[in-house]
PDB file of N, CA and C in Angstrom:
ATOM      1  N   UNK A   1       0.528  -1.172   0.335  1.00  0.00           N
ATOM      2  CA  UNK A   1      -0.114   0.257  -0.063  1.00  0.00           C
ATOM      3  C   UNK A   1       0.484   1.427   0.297  1.00  0.00           C
ATOM      4  N   UNK A   2       0.332   2.452  -0.424  1.00  0.00           N
ATOM      5  CA  UNK A   2       1.380   3.284  -0.992  1.00  0.00           C
ATOM      6  C   UNK A   2       0.587   4.727   0.632  1.00  0.00           C
ATOM      7  N   UNK A   3       1.739   4.946   0.939  1.00  0.00           N
ATOM      8  CA  UNK A   3       1.761   5.801   1.822  1.00  0.00           C
ATOM      9  C   UNK A   3       0.987   7.179   1.451  1.00  0.00           C
ATOM     10  N   UNK A   4       0.350   7.744   2.010  1.00  0.00           N
ATOM     11  CA  UNK A   4      -0.121   9.235   0.814  1.00  0.00           C
ATOM     12  C   UNK A   4       0.399  10.175   2.052  1.00  0.00           C
ATOM     13  N   UNK A   5       0.675  11.910   1.807  1.00  0.00           N
ATOM     14  CA  UNK A   5       0.787  12.454   2.495  1.00  0.00           C
ATOM     15  C   UNK A   5      -0.537  12.956   3.232  1.00  0.00           C
ATOM     16  N   UNK A   6      -0.628  14.220   3.477  1.00  0.00           N
ATOM     17  CA  UNK A   6      -1.883  14.823   4.187  1.00  0.00           C
ATOM     18  C   UNK A   6      -2.739  16.231   3.388  1.00  0.00           C
ATOM     19  N   UNK A   7      -2.705  15.936   1.833  1.00  0.00           N
ATOM     20  CA  UNK A   7      -2.984  17.190   1.332  1.00  0.00           C
ATOM     21  C   UNK A   7      -4.659  16.570   0.971  1.00  0.00           C
ATOM     22  N   UNK A   8      -4.987  18.235   0.454  1.00  0.00           N
ATOM     23  CA  UNK A   8      -6.401  18.045   0.514  1.00  0.00           C
ATOM     24  C   UNK A   8      -6.964  16.589  -0.916  1.00  0.00           C
ATOM     25  N   UNK A   9      -7.792  16.078  -0.173  1.00  0.00           N
ATOM     26  CA  UNK A   9      -8.722  14.626  -1.277  1.00  0.00           C
ATOM     27  C   UNK A   9      -9.846  15.194  -2.015  1.00  0.00           C
ATOM     28  N   UNK A  10      -9.891  14.652  -2.796  1.00  0.00           N
ATOM     29  CA  UNK A  10     -11.483  14.512  -3.492  1.00  0.00           C
ATOM     30  C   UNK A  10     -12.068  13.173  -2.989  1.00  0.00           C
ATOM     31  N   UNK A  11     -13.655  13.883  -2.345  1.00  0.00           N
ATOM     32  CA  UNK A  11     -14.445  12.438  -2.673  1.00  0.00           C
ATOM     33  C   UNK A  11     -14.986  12.201  -3.996  1.00  0.00           C
ATOM     34  N   UNK A  12     -14.974  10.362  -3.846  1.00  0.00           N
ATOM     35  CA  UNK A  12     -15.533   9.565  -4.827  1.00  0.00           C
ATOM     36  C   UNK A  12     -16.302   8.791  -4.412  1.00  0.00           C
ATOM     37  N   UNK A  13     -17.741   8.961  -4.135  1.00  0.00           N
ATOM     38  CA  UNK A  13     -19.344   8.076  -3.840  1.00  0.00           C
ATOM     39  C   UNK A  13     -19.164   6.840  -4.853  1.00  0.00           C
ATOM     40  N   UNK A  14     -19.377   5.362  -4.290  1.00  0.00           N
ATOM     41  CA  UNK A  14     -19.084   4.543  -5.144  1.00  0.00           C
ATOM     42  C   UNK A  14     -20.104   3.148  -4.293  1.00  0.00           C
ATOM     43  N   UNK A  15     -20.704   2.876  -4.880  1.00  0.00           N
ATOM     44  CA  UNK A  15     -21.961   1.818  -4.707  1.00  0.00           C
ATOM     45  C   UNK A  15     -21.322   0.501  -3.739  1.00  0.00           C
ATOM     46  N   UNK A  16     -19.702  -0.041  -4.358  1.00  0.00           N
ATOM     47  CA  UNK A  16     -19.359  -0.970  -3.959  1.00  0.00           C
ATOM     48  C   UNK A  16     -17.457  -0.996  -3.553  1.00  0.00           C
ATOM     49  N   UNK A  17     -16.741  -0.601  -2.617  1.00  0.00           N
ATOM     50  CA  UNK A  17     -15.266  -0.516  -2.359  1.00  0.00           C
ATOM     51  C   UNK A  17     -14.922  -1.171  -3.087  1.00  0.00           C
ATOM     52  N   UNK A  18     -14.743  -2.828  -2.702  1.00  0.00           N
ATOM     53  CA  UNK A  18     -14.025  -3.467  -3.622  1.00  0.00           C
ATOM     54  C   UNK A  18     -14.244  -3.253  -5.041  1.00  0.00           C
ATOM     55  N   UNK A  19     -15.100  -3.411  -5.674  1.00  0.00           N
ATOM     56  CA  UNK A  19     -15.153  -3.417  -7.206  1.00  0.00           C
ATOM     57  C   UNK A  19     -14.526  -2.273  -7.470  1.00  0.00           C
ATOM     58  N   UNK A  20     -14.625  -1.359  -6.764  1.00  0.00           N
ATOM     59  CA  UNK A  20     -13.747   0.168  -7.096  1.00  0.00           C
ATOM     60  C   UNK A  20     -12.575   0.035  -7.465  1.00  0.00           C
ATOM     61  N   UNK A  21     -11.990  -0.262  -5.772  1.00  0.00           N
ATOM     62  CA  UNK A  21     -10.867  -0.571  -5.980  1.00  0.00           C
ATOM     63  C   UNK A  21      -9.849  -1.483  -6.957  1.00  0.00           C
ATOM     64  N   UNK A  22     -10.604  -2.410  -7.381  1.00  0.00           N
ATOM     65  CA  UNK A  22     -10.462  -2.986  -8.488  1.00  0.00           C
ATOM     66  C   UNK A  22     -10.380  -2.542  -9.973  1.00  0.00           C
ATOM     67  N   UNK A  23     -11.366  -2.055 -10.154  1.00  0.00           N
ATOM     68  CA  UNK A  23     -11.841  -1.043 -11.579  1.00  0.00           C
ATOM     69  C   UNK A  23     -10.955   0.067 -11.370  1.00  0.00           C
ATOM     70  N   UNK A  24     -10.769   0.653 -10.347  1.00  0.00           N
ATOM     71  CA  UNK A  24      -9.563   1.767 -10.508  1.00  0.00           C
ATOM     72  C   UNK A  24      -8.278   1.485 -10.602  1.00  0.00           C
ATOM     73  N   UNK A  25      -7.671   0.547 -10.218  1.00  0.00           N
ATOM     74  CA  UNK A  25      -6.176   0.038 -10.146  1.00  0.00           C
ATOM     75  C   UNK A  25      -5.997  -0.449 -11.968  1.00  0.00           C
ATOM     76  N   UNK A  26      -7.675  -0.828 -12.751  1.00  0.00           N
ATOM     77  CA  UNK A  26      -7.170  -1.418 -13.687  1.00  0.00           C
ATOM     78  C   UNK A  26      -7.281  -0.511 -14.400  1.00  0.00           C
ATOM     79  N   UNK A  27      -8.181   1.028 -14.097  1.00  0.00           N
ATOM     80  CA  UNK A  27      -7.907   1.430 -15.716  1.00  0.00           C
ATOM     81  C   UNK A  27      -7.093   2.372 -15.420  1.00  0.00           C
ATOM     82  N   UNK A  28      -7.029   3.050 -13.572  1.00  0.00           N
ATOM     83  CA  UNK A  28      -5.774   4.339 -14.209  1.00  0.00           C
ATOM     84  C   UNK A  28      -4.790   3.716 -13.429  1.00  0.00           C
ATOM     85  N   UNK A  29      -4.441   2.910 -12.773  1.00  0.00           N
ATOM     86  CA  UNK A  29      -3.312   2.225 -12.312  1.00  0.00           C
ATOM     87  C   UNK A  29      -3.447   2.984 -10.784  1.00  0.00           C
ATOM     88  N   UNK A  30      -4.054   3.019 -10.327  1.00  0.00           N
ATOM     89  CA  UNK A  30      -4.509   3.766  -8.646  1.00  0.00           C
ATOM     90  C   UNK A  30      -3.846   2.985  -8.069  1.00  0.00           C
ATOM     91  N   UNK A  31      -3.740   3.695  -7.181  1.00  0.00           N
ATOM     92  CA  UNK A  31      -2.909   2.740  -5.669  1.00  0.00           C
ATOM     93  C   UNK A  31      -3.511   3.323  -4.464  1.00  0.00           C
ATOM     94  N   UNK A  32      -3.402   2.268  -3.997  1.00  0.00           N
ATOM     95  CA  UNK A  32      -4.079   2.988  -2.177  1.00  0.00           C
ATOM     96  C   UNK A  32      -3.523   2.545  -0.943  1.00  0.00           C
ATOM     97  N   UNK A  33      -4.065   3.658  -0.043  1.00  0.00           N
ATOM     98  CA  UNK A  33      -3.174   3.730   1.184  1.00  0.00           C
ATOM     99  C   UNK A  33      -3.903   3.264   2.438  1.00  0.00           C
ATOM    100  N   UNK A  34      -5.075   2.463   2.333  1.00  0.00           N
ATOM    101  CA  UNK A  34      -6.420   1.808   2.948  1.00  0.00           C
ATOM    102  C   UNK A  34      -7.101   1.147   2.626  1.00  0.00           C
ATOM    103  N   UNK A  35      -7.765   0.660   3.306  1.00  0.00           N
ATOM    104  CA  UNK A  35      -8.571  -0.179   3.089  1.00  0.00           C
ATOM    105  C   UNK A  35     -10.256  -0.093   3.129  1.00  0.00           C
ATOM    106  N   UNK A  36     -10.185   0.873   3.932  1.00  0.00           N
ATOM    107  CA  UNK A  36     -11.259   1.027   5.199  1.00  0.00           C
ATOM    108  C   UNK A  36     -12.447   2.099   4.129  1.00  0.00           C
ATOM    109  N   UNK A  37     -13.442   2.055   4.895  1.00  0.00           N
ATOM    110  CA  UNK A  37     -14.222   3.783   4.110  1.00  0.00           C
ATOM    111  C   UNK A  37     -14.529   4.356   5.317  1.00  0.00           C
ATOM    112  N   UNK A  38     -14.167   5.594   4.644  1.00  0.00           N
ATOM    113  CA  UNK A  38     -13.545   5.572   3.144  1.00  0.00           C
ATOM    114  C   UNK A  38     -11.979   5.254   2.828  1.00  0.00           C
ATOM    115  N   UNK A  39     -11.642   4.739   1.749  1.00  0.00           N
ATOM    116  CA  UNK A  39     -10.335   4.025   1.189  1.00  0.00           C
ATOM    117  C   UNK A  39      -9.695   5.236   0.540  1.00  0.00           C
ATOM    118  N   UNK A  40      -8.581   5.565   0.547  1.00  0.00           N
ATOM    119  CA  UNK A  40      -7.456   6.558   0.202  1.00  0.00           C
ATOM    120  C   UNK A  40      -7.317   6.000  -0.762  1.00  0.00           C
ATOM    121  N   UNK A  41      -7.364   6.820  -1.911  1.00  0.00           N
ATOM    122  CA  UNK A  41      -6.923   6.135  -3.641  1.00  0.00           C
ATOM    123  C   UNK A  41      -5.974   7.616  -4.495  1.00  0.00           C
ATOM    124  N   UNK A  42      -4.820   6.939  -5.419  1.00  0.00           N
ATOM    125  CA  UNK A  42      -4.243   7.884  -6.040  1.00  0.00           C
ATOM    126  C   UNK A  42      -4.228   7.367  -7.036  1.00  0.00           C
ATOM    127  N   UNK A  43      -4.279   9.036  -8.145  1.00  0.00           N
ATOM    128  CA  UNK A  43      -3.781   8.467  -9.375  1.00  0.00           C
ATOM    129  C   UNK A  43      -3.618   9.603  -9.770  1.00  0.00           C
ATOM    130  N   UNK A  44      -2.305   8.994 -10.263  1.00  0.00           N
ATOM    131  CA  UNK A  44      -0.963  10.196 -10.708  1.00  0.00           C
ATOM    132  C   UNK A  44      -0.674  11.070  -9.137  1.00  0.00           C
ATOM    133  N   UNK A  45      -0.961  12.337  -9.617  1.00  0.00           N
ATOM    134  CA  UNK A  45      -0.513  13.276  -8.732  1.00  0.00           C
ATOM    135  C   UNK A  45      -2.062  13.526  -7.863  1.00  0.00           C
ATOM    136  N   UNK A  46      -3.079  13.212  -7.783  1.00  0.00           N
ATOM    137  CA  UNK A  46      -4.111  13.192  -7.332  1.00  0.00           C
ATOM    138  C   UNK A  46      -4.883  12.490  -6.346  1.00  0.00           C
ATOM    139  N   UNK A  47      -4.942  12.782  -5.218  1.00  0.00           N
ATOM    140  CA  UNK A  47      -5.425  11.916  -4.234  1.00  0.00           C
ATOM    141  C   UNK A  47      -7.051  12.136  -4.034  1.00  0.00           C
ATOM    142  N   UNK A  48      -7.429  11.185  -3.728  1.00  0.00           N
ATOM    143  CA  UNK A  48      -8.911  10.563  -3.037  1.00  0.00           C
ATOM    144  C   UNK A  48      -9.840   9.632  -2.338  1.00  0.00           C
ATOM    145  N   UNK A  49     -11.109  10.052  -1.758  1.00  0.00           N
ATOM    146  CA  UNK A  49     -11.548   9.099  -1.220  1.00  0.00           C
ATOM    147  C   UNK A  49     -12.112   8.254  -1.369  1.00  0.00           C
ATOM    148  N   UNK A  50     -12.541   7.306  -2.072  1.00  0.00           N
ATOM    149  CA  UNK A  50     -12.868   6.465  -1.876  1.00  0.00           C
ATOM    150  C   UNK A  50     -14.728   6.268  -1.205  1.00  0.00           C
ATOM    151  N   UNK A  51     -15.897   6.404  -1.325  1.00  0.00           N
ATOM    152  CA  UNK A  51     -16.620   6.511   0.358  1.00  0.00           C
ATOM    153  C   UNK A  51     -17.858   5.712  -0.605  1.00  0.00           C
ATOM    154  N   UNK A  52     -18.073   4.554   0.031  1.00  0.00           N
ATOM    155  CA  UNK A  52     -19.215   3.976  -0.031  1.00  0.00           C
ATOM    156  C   UNK A  52     -20.475   4.421   0.138  1.00  0.00           C
ATOM    157  N   UNK A  53     -21.783   4.497  -0.837  1.00  0.00           N
ATOM    158  CA  UNK A  53     -22.715   5.208  -0.920  1.00  0.00           C
ATOM    159  C   UNK A  53     -23.552   3.846  -1.425  1.00  0.00           C
ATOM    160  N   UNK A  54     -24.921   3.834  -0.779  1.00  0.00           N
ATOM    161  CA  UNK A  54     -25.874   3.228  -1.450  1.00  0.00           C
ATOM    162  C   UNK A  54     -25.919   3.248  -3.337  1.00  0.00           C
ATOM    163  N   UNK A  55     -26.498   4.585  -3.334  1.00  0.00           N
ATOM    164  CA  UNK A  55     -26.918   4.914  -4.850  1.00  0.00           C
ATOM    165  C   UNK A  55     -26.412   6.614  -5.040  1.00  0.00           C
ATOM    166  N   UNK A  56     -24.929   6.292  -5.367  1.00  0.00           N
ATOM    167  CA  UNK A  56     -24.483   7.820  -4.934  1.00  0.00           C
ATOM    168  C   UNK A  56     -24.927   8.163  -6.880  1.00  0.00           C
ATOM    169  N   UNK A  57     -24.879   9.939  -6.710  1.00  0.00           N
ATOM    170  CA  UNK A  57     -25.139  10.600  -7.928  1.00  0.00           C
ATOM    171  C   UNK A  57     -24.187  10.820  -8.832  1.00  0.00           C
ATOM    172  N   UNK A  58     -23.861  10.820 -10.145  1.00  0.00           N
ATOM    173  CA  UNK A  58     -22.955  10.663 -10.966  1.00  0.00           C
ATOM    174  C   UNK A  58     -22.311  12.244 -10.499  1.00  0.00           C
ATOM    175  N   UNK A  59     -20.823  11.998 -10.557  1.00  0.00           N
ATOM    176  CA  UNK A  59     -20.493  12.646 -10.439  1.00  0.00           C
ATOM    177  C   UNK A  59     -18.816  13.556 -11.212  1.00  0.00           C
ATOM    178  N   UNK A  60     -18.062  14.207 -11.743  1.00  0.00           N
ATOM    179  CA  UNK A  60     -17.146  15.080 -12.410  1.00  0.00           C
ATOM    180  C   UNK A  60     -15.736  14.695 -11.753  1.00  0.00           C
ATOM    181  N   UNK A  61     -14.515  13.942 -12.045  1.00  0.00           N
ATOM    182  CA  UNK A  61     -13.585  14.156 -11.496  1.00  0.00           C
ATOM    183  C   UNK A  61     -11.943  14.083 -12.670  1.00  0.00           C
ATOM    184  N   UNK A  62     -11.146  15.137 -11.949  1.00  0.00           N
ATOM    185  CA  UNK A  62     -10.254  14.694 -13.248  1.00  0.00           C
ATOM    186  C   UNK A  62      -8.816  14.466 -12.759  1.00  0.00           C
ATOM    187  N   UNK A  63      -7.948  12.958 -13.519  1.00  0.00           N
ATOM    188  CA  UNK A  63      -7.355  12.751 -13.198  1.00  0.00           C
ATOM    189  C   UNK A  63      -5.750  12.994 -14.130  1.00  0.00           C
ATOM    190  N   UNK A  64      -4.708  13.567 -13.669  1.00  0.00           N
ATOM    191  CA  UNK A  64      -3.636  13.298 -14.498  1.00  0.00           C
ATOM    192  C   UNK A  64      -2.737  11.793 -14.732  1.00  0.00           C
ATOM    193  N   UNK A  65      -3.084  11.250 -15.772  1.00  0.00           N
ATOM    194  CA  UNK A  65      -2.368   9.884 -15.747  1.00  0.00           C
ATOM    195  C   UNK A  65      -1.042   9.388 -16.688  1.00  0.00           C
ATOM    196  N   UNK A  66      -0.846   8.542 -16.459  1.00  0.00           N
ATOM    197  CA  UNK A  66       0.673   8.398 -17.520  1.00  0.00           C
ATOM    198  C   UNK A  66       0.227   8.591 -18.762  1.00  0.00           C
ATOM    199  N   UNK A  67      -0.847   7.884 -19.187  1.00  0.00           N
ATOM    200  CA  UNK A  67      -1.219   7.250 -20.917  1.00  0.00           C
ATOM    201  C   UNK A  67      -2.486   7.895 -21.002  1.00  0.00           C
ATOM    202  N   UNK A  68      -3.023   9.252 -21.629  1.00  0.00           N
ATOM    203  CA  UNK A  68      -4.339   9.412 -21.329  1.00  0.00           C
ATOM    204  C   UNK A  68      -5.328   8.243 -22.236  1.00  0.00           C
ATOM    205  N   UNK A  69      -4.577   8.033 -23.747  1.00  0.00           N
ATOM    206  CA  UNK A  69      -5.517   7.023 -24.353  1.00  0.00           C
ATOM    207  C   UNK A  69      -5.251   5.945 -23.959  1.00  0.00           C
ATOM    208  N   UNK A  70      -4.541   5.223 -23.190  1.00  0.00           N
ATOM    209  CA  UNK A  70      -4.727   3.558 -22.420  1.00  0.00           C
ATOM    210  C   UNK A  70      -5.842   3.814 -21.395  1.00  0.00           C
ATOM    211  N   UNK A  71      -5.708   4.964 -20.406  1.00  0.00           N
ATOM    212  CA  UNK A  71      -6.858   5.070 -19.864  1.00  0.00           C
ATOM    213  C   UNK A  71      -8.289   4.848 -20.425  1.00  0.00           C
ATOM    214  N   UNK A  72      -8.648   5.662 -21.186  1.00  0.00           N
ATOM    215  CA  UNK A  72      -9.654   5.750 -21.890  1.00  0.00           C
ATOM    216  C   UNK A  72     -10.249   4.842 -22.317  1.00  0.00           C
ATOM    217  N   UNK A  73      -8.932   3.894 -23.301  1.00  0.00           N
ATOM    218  CA  UNK A  73      -9.512   2.740 -24.118  1.00  0.00           C
ATOM    219  C   UNK A  73      -9.916   1.680 -22.861  1.00  0.00           C
ATOM    220  N   UNK A  74      -9.049   1.785 -21.582  1.00  0.00           N
ATOM    221  CA  UNK A  74      -9.432   0.858 -20.809  1.00  0.00           C
ATOM    222  C   UNK A  74     -11.270   0.675 -20.079  1.00  0.00           C
ATOM    223  N   UNK A  75     -11.413   1.909 -20.170  1.00  0.00           N
ATOM    224  CA  UNK A  75     -12.299   2.348 -19.307  1.00  0.00           C
ATOM    225  C   UNK A  75     -13.369   1.900 -20.616  1.00  0.00           C
ATOM    226  N   UNK A  76     -13.294   2.185 -21.862  1.00  0.00           N
ATOM    227  CA  UNK A  76     -14.328   1.880 -22.838  1.00  0.00           C
ATOM    228  C   UNK A  76     -14.362   0.067 -23.132  1.00  0.00           C
ATOM    229  N   UNK A  77     -13.137  -0.207 -22.497  1.00  0.00           N
ATOM    230  CA  UNK A  77     -13.900  -2.071 -23.028  1.00  0.00           C
ATOM    231  C   UNK A  77     -14.013  -2.692 -21.534  1.00  0.00           C
ATOM    232  N   UNK A  78     -13.941  -1.870 -20.579  1.00  0.00           N
ATOM    233  CA  UNK A  78     -14.455  -2.469 -19.185  1.00  0.00           C
ATOM    234  C   UNK A  78     -15.814  -1.813 -18.445  1.00  0.00           C
ATOM    235  N   UNK A  79     -16.778  -2.113 -19.135  1.00  0.00           N
ATOM    236  CA  UNK A  79     -17.937  -0.894 -18.520  1.00  0.00           C
ATOM    237  C   UNK A  79     -18.681   0.385 -18.951  1.00  0.00           C
ATOM    238  N   UNK A  80     -17.052   1.256 -19.013  1.00  0.00           N
ATOM    239  CA  UNK A  80     -17.518   2.871 -19.382  1.00  0.00           C
ATOM    240  C   UNK A  80     -17.538   2.828 -20.563  1.00  0.00           C
ATOM    241  N   UNK A  81     -17.484   4.460 -21.112  1.00  0.00           N
ATOM    242  CA  UNK A  81     -17.663   4.768 -22.582  1.00  0.00           C
ATOM    243  C   UNK A  81     -17.033   5.876 -22.438  1.00  0.00           C
ATOM    244  N   UNK A  82     -16.987   6.267 -23.964  1.00  0.00           N
ATOM    245  CA  UNK A  82     -16.057   7.419 -24.095  1.00  0.00           C
ATOM    246  C   UNK A  82     -17.073   8.690 -24.293  1.00  0.00           C
ATOM    247  N   UNK A  83     -16.853   9.735 -23.944  1.00  0.00           N
ATOM    248  CA  UNK A  83     -17.732  10.902 -23.596  1.00  0.00           C
ATOM    249  C   UNK A  83     -16.435  11.915 -24.777  1.00  0.00           C
ATOM    250  N   UNK A  84     -15.742  12.245 -24.569  1.00  0.00           N
ATOM    251  CA  UNK A  84     -14.897  12.980 -25.343  1.00  0.00           C
ATOM    252  C   UNK A  84     -13.458  12.268 -25.511  1.00  0.00           C
ATOM    253  N   UNK A  85     -13.739  11.875 -27.089  1.00  0.00           N
ATOM    254  CA  UNK A  85     -12.128  11.085 -27.529  1.00  0.00           C
ATOM    255  C   UNK A  85     -10.873  11.978 -26.819  1.00  0.00           C
ATOM    256  N   UNK A  86      -9.673  11.241 -27.135  1.00  0.00           N
ATOM    257  CA  UNK A  86      -8.373  11.868 -26.319  1.00  0.00           C
ATOM    258  C   UNK A  86      -8.215  12.665 -27.771  1.00  0.00           C
ATOM    259  N   UNK A  87      -7.496  13.802 -27.157  1.00  0.00           N
ATOM    260  CA  UNK A  87      -6.869  14.574 -28.355  1.00  0.00           C
ATOM    261  C   UNK A  87      -6.162  15.667 -27.880  1.00  0.00           C
ATOM    262  N   UNK A  88      -5.080  15.777 -28.396  1.00  0.00           N
ATOM    263  CA  UNK A  88      -3.750  16.802 -28.327  1.00  0.00           C
ATOM    264  C   UNK A  88      -4.125  18.245 -28.241  1.00  0.00           C
ATOM    265  N   UNK A  89      -3.743  18.878 -26.824  1.00  0.00           N
ATOM    266  CA  UNK A  89      -4.259  20.246 -26.591  1.00  0.00           C
ATOM    267  C   UNK A  89      -2.857  21.082 -27.329  1.00  0.00           C
ATOM    268  N   UNK A  90      -3.433  22.650 -28.248  1.00  0.00           N
ATOM    269  CA  UNK A  90      -2.644  23.079 -29.364  1.00  0.00           C
ATOM    270  C   UNK A  90      -1.657  23.458 -28.478  1.00  0.00           C
ATOM    271  N   UNK A  91      -2.103  24.072 -27.125  1.00  0.00           N
ATOM    272  CA  UNK A  91      -1.125  25.299 -26.350  1.00  0.00           C
ATOM    273  C   UNK A  91      -0.444  24.572 -25.576  1.00  0.00           C
ATOM    274  N   UNK A  92      -0.540  23.302 -24.879  1.00  0.00           N
ATOM    275  CA  UNK A  92       0.179  22.684 -23.775  1.00  0.00           C
ATOM    276  C   UNK A  92       0.950  21.149 -24.358  1.00  0.00           C
ATOM    277  N   UNK A  93       0.341  20.776 -25.094  1.00  0.00           N
ATOM    278  CA  UNK A  93       0.641  19.461 -25.595  1.00  0.00           C
ATOM    279  C   UNK A  93      -0.069  18.016 -25.295  1.00  0.00           C
ATOM    280  N   UNK A  94      -0.586  18.718 -24.243  1.00  0.00           N
ATOM    281  CA  UNK A  94      -1.381  17.400 -23.201  1.00  0.00           C
ATOM    282  C   UNK A  94      -2.488  17.001 -23.966  1.00  0.00           C
ATOM    283  N   UNK A  95      -2.427  15.589 -23.712  1.00  0.00           N
ATOM    284  CA  UNK A  95      -3.349  14.441 -24.428  1.00  0.00           C
ATOM    285  C   UNK A  95      -4.384  14.534 -22.941  1.00  0.00           C
ATOM    286  N   UNK A  96      -5.521  14.582 -24.042  1.00  0.00           N
ATOM    287  CA  UNK A  96      -7.060  14.962 -22.789  1.00  0.00           C
ATOM    288  C   UNK A  96      -8.609  14.246 -23.872  1.00  0.00           C
ATOM    289  N   UNK A  97      -9.072  13.601 -22.399  1.00  0.00           N
ATOM    290  CA  UNK A  97     -10.158  13.180 -22.969  1.00  0.00           C
ATOM    291  C   UNK A  97     -10.832  13.262 -21.963  1.00  0.00           C
ATOM    292  N   UNK A  98     -12.408  12.719 -21.973  1.00  0.00           N
ATOM    293  CA  UNK A  98     -13.306  12.461 -21.413  1.00  0.00           C
ATOM    294  C   UNK A  98     -14.462  10.830 -21.081  1.00  0.00           C
ATOM    295  N   UNK A  99     -14.012  10.442 -19.617  1.00  0.00           N
ATOM    296  CA  UNK A  99     -15.037   9.225 -20.492  1.00  0.00           C
ATOM    297  C   UNK A  99     -15.730   9.137 -18.766  1.00  0.00           C
ATOM    298  N   UNK A 100     -17.209   7.756 -19.291  1.00  0.00           N
ATOM    299  CA  UNK A 100     -17.732   7.596 -17.955  1.00  0.00           C
ATOM    300  C   UNK A 100     -17.553   6.379 -17.515  1.00  0.00           C
ATOM    301  N   UNK A 101     -17.139   6.331 -16.134  1.00  0.00           N
ATOM    302  CA  UNK A 101     -16.513   4.655 -15.740  1.00  0.00           C
ATOM    303  C   UNK A 101     -17.853   4.012 -15.465  1.00  0.00           C
ATOM    304  N   UNK A 102     -17.740   2.859 -15.129  1.00  0.00           N
ATOM    305  CA  UNK A 102     -18.842   2.169 -14.914  1.00  0.00           C
ATOM    306  C   UNK A 102     -19.658   2.022 -13.363  1.00  0.00           C
ATOM    307  N   UNK A 103     -19.419   3.304 -13.067  1.00  0.00           N
ATOM    308  CA  UNK A 103     -20.251   3.144 -11.693  1.00  0.00           C
ATOM    309  C   UNK A 103     -21.014   4.845 -12.065  1.00  0.00           C
ATOM    310  N   UNK A 104     -20.510   5.218 -13.138  1.00  0.00           N
ATOM    311  CA  UNK A 104     -21.571   6.696 -13.986  1.00  0.00           C
ATOM    312  C   UNK A 104     -20.863   8.064 -13.680  1.00  0.00           C
ATOM    313  N   UNK A 105     -19.447   8.145 -13.365  1.00  0.00           N
ATOM    314  CA  UNK A 105     -18.824   9.029 -12.920  1.00  0.00           C
ATOM    315  C   UNK A 105     -18.455   9.579 -13.887  1.00  0.00           C
ATOM    316  N   UNK A 106     -17.815  10.848 -14.466  1.00  0.00           N
ATOM    317  CA  UNK A 106     -17.301  11.354 -15.401  1.00  0.00           C
ATOM    318  C   UNK A 106     -15.866  11.780 -15.112  1.00  0.00           C
ATOM    319  N   UNK A 107     -14.899  11.243 -15.606  1.00  0.00           N
ATOM    320  CA  UNK A 107     -13.447  11.551 -15.338  1.00  0.00           C
ATOM    321  C   UNK A 107     -13.202  12.476 -16.382  1.00  0.00           C
ATOM    322  N   UNK A 108     -11.987  13.252 -16.589  1.00  0.00           N
ATOM    323  CA  UNK A 108     -11.467  14.277 -17.274  1.00  0.00           C
ATOM    324  C   UNK A 108     -10.299  13.761 -17.574  1.00  0.00           C
ATOM    325  N   UNK A 109      -9.396  13.131 -17.755  1.00  0.00           N
ATOM    326  CA  UNK A 109      -8.233  12.494 -17.882  1.00  0.00           C
ATOM    327  C   UNK A 109      -7.586  13.100 -18.545  1.00  0.00           C
ATOM    328  N   UNK A 110      -6.066  13.227 -18.086  1.00  0.00           N
ATOM    329  CA  UNK A 110      -4.725  14.252 -19.242  1.00  0.00           C
ATOM    330  C   UNK A 110      -3.680  13.626 -18.571  1.00  0.00           C
ATOM    331  N   UNK A 111      -3.057  13.477 -19.799  1.00  0.00           N
ATOM    332  CA  UNK A 111      -1.144  12.694 -19.711  1.00  0.00           C
ATOM    333  C   UNK A 111      -1.040  13.965 -20.525  1.00  0.00           C
ATOM    334  N   UNK A 112       0.638  14.334 -20.402  1.00  0.00           N
ATOM    335  CA  UNK A 112       1.908  14.416 -21.473  1.00  0.00           C
ATOM    336  C   UNK A 112       1.421  14.366 -22.768  1.00  0.00           C
ATOM    337  N   UNK A 113       2.429  15.208 -23.397  1.00  0.00           N
ATOM    338  CA  UNK A 113       2.066  14.060 -24.912  1.00  0.00           C
ATOM    339  C   UNK A 113       2.721  13.178 -25.523  1.00  0.00           C
ATOM    340  N   UNK A 114       2.106  12.844 -26.027  1.00  0.00           N
ATOM    341  CA  UNK A 114       2.613  11.254 -26.725  1.00  0.00           C
ATOM    342  C   UNK A 114       3.867  11.579 -27.665  1.00  0.00           C
ATOM    343  N   UNK A 115       5.127  10.927 -27.521  1.00  0.00           N
ATOM    344  CA  UNK A 115       6.517  11.089 -28.253  1.00  0.00           C
ATOM    345  C   UNK A 115       6.017  10.385 -29.404  1.00  0.00           C
TER     346      UNK A 115
END
């Protein structure tokens, strides 16, 4: 497990902690510092708290990942859908796209440009 600092965290409400940990590890290469409720999760340089809620409303989150193209493709093949295909930003060279994950949350996914 990853040891996290005391920086601010964003809440992600999900119906099942175990399946969320497995899912986010497989699509975002997320790491986890705890296994309770809430569960601490790191995606790139962002910290989140996964919190169990019976019927969570859809939420919007952002994550910087190693490869936006790979993360978006993983979500599309694991019960999610592409909301905005990955494209390269002309001003920064970053690649970004948006997806709806298997829990109904929309994620804006960003990574450094591909070489």
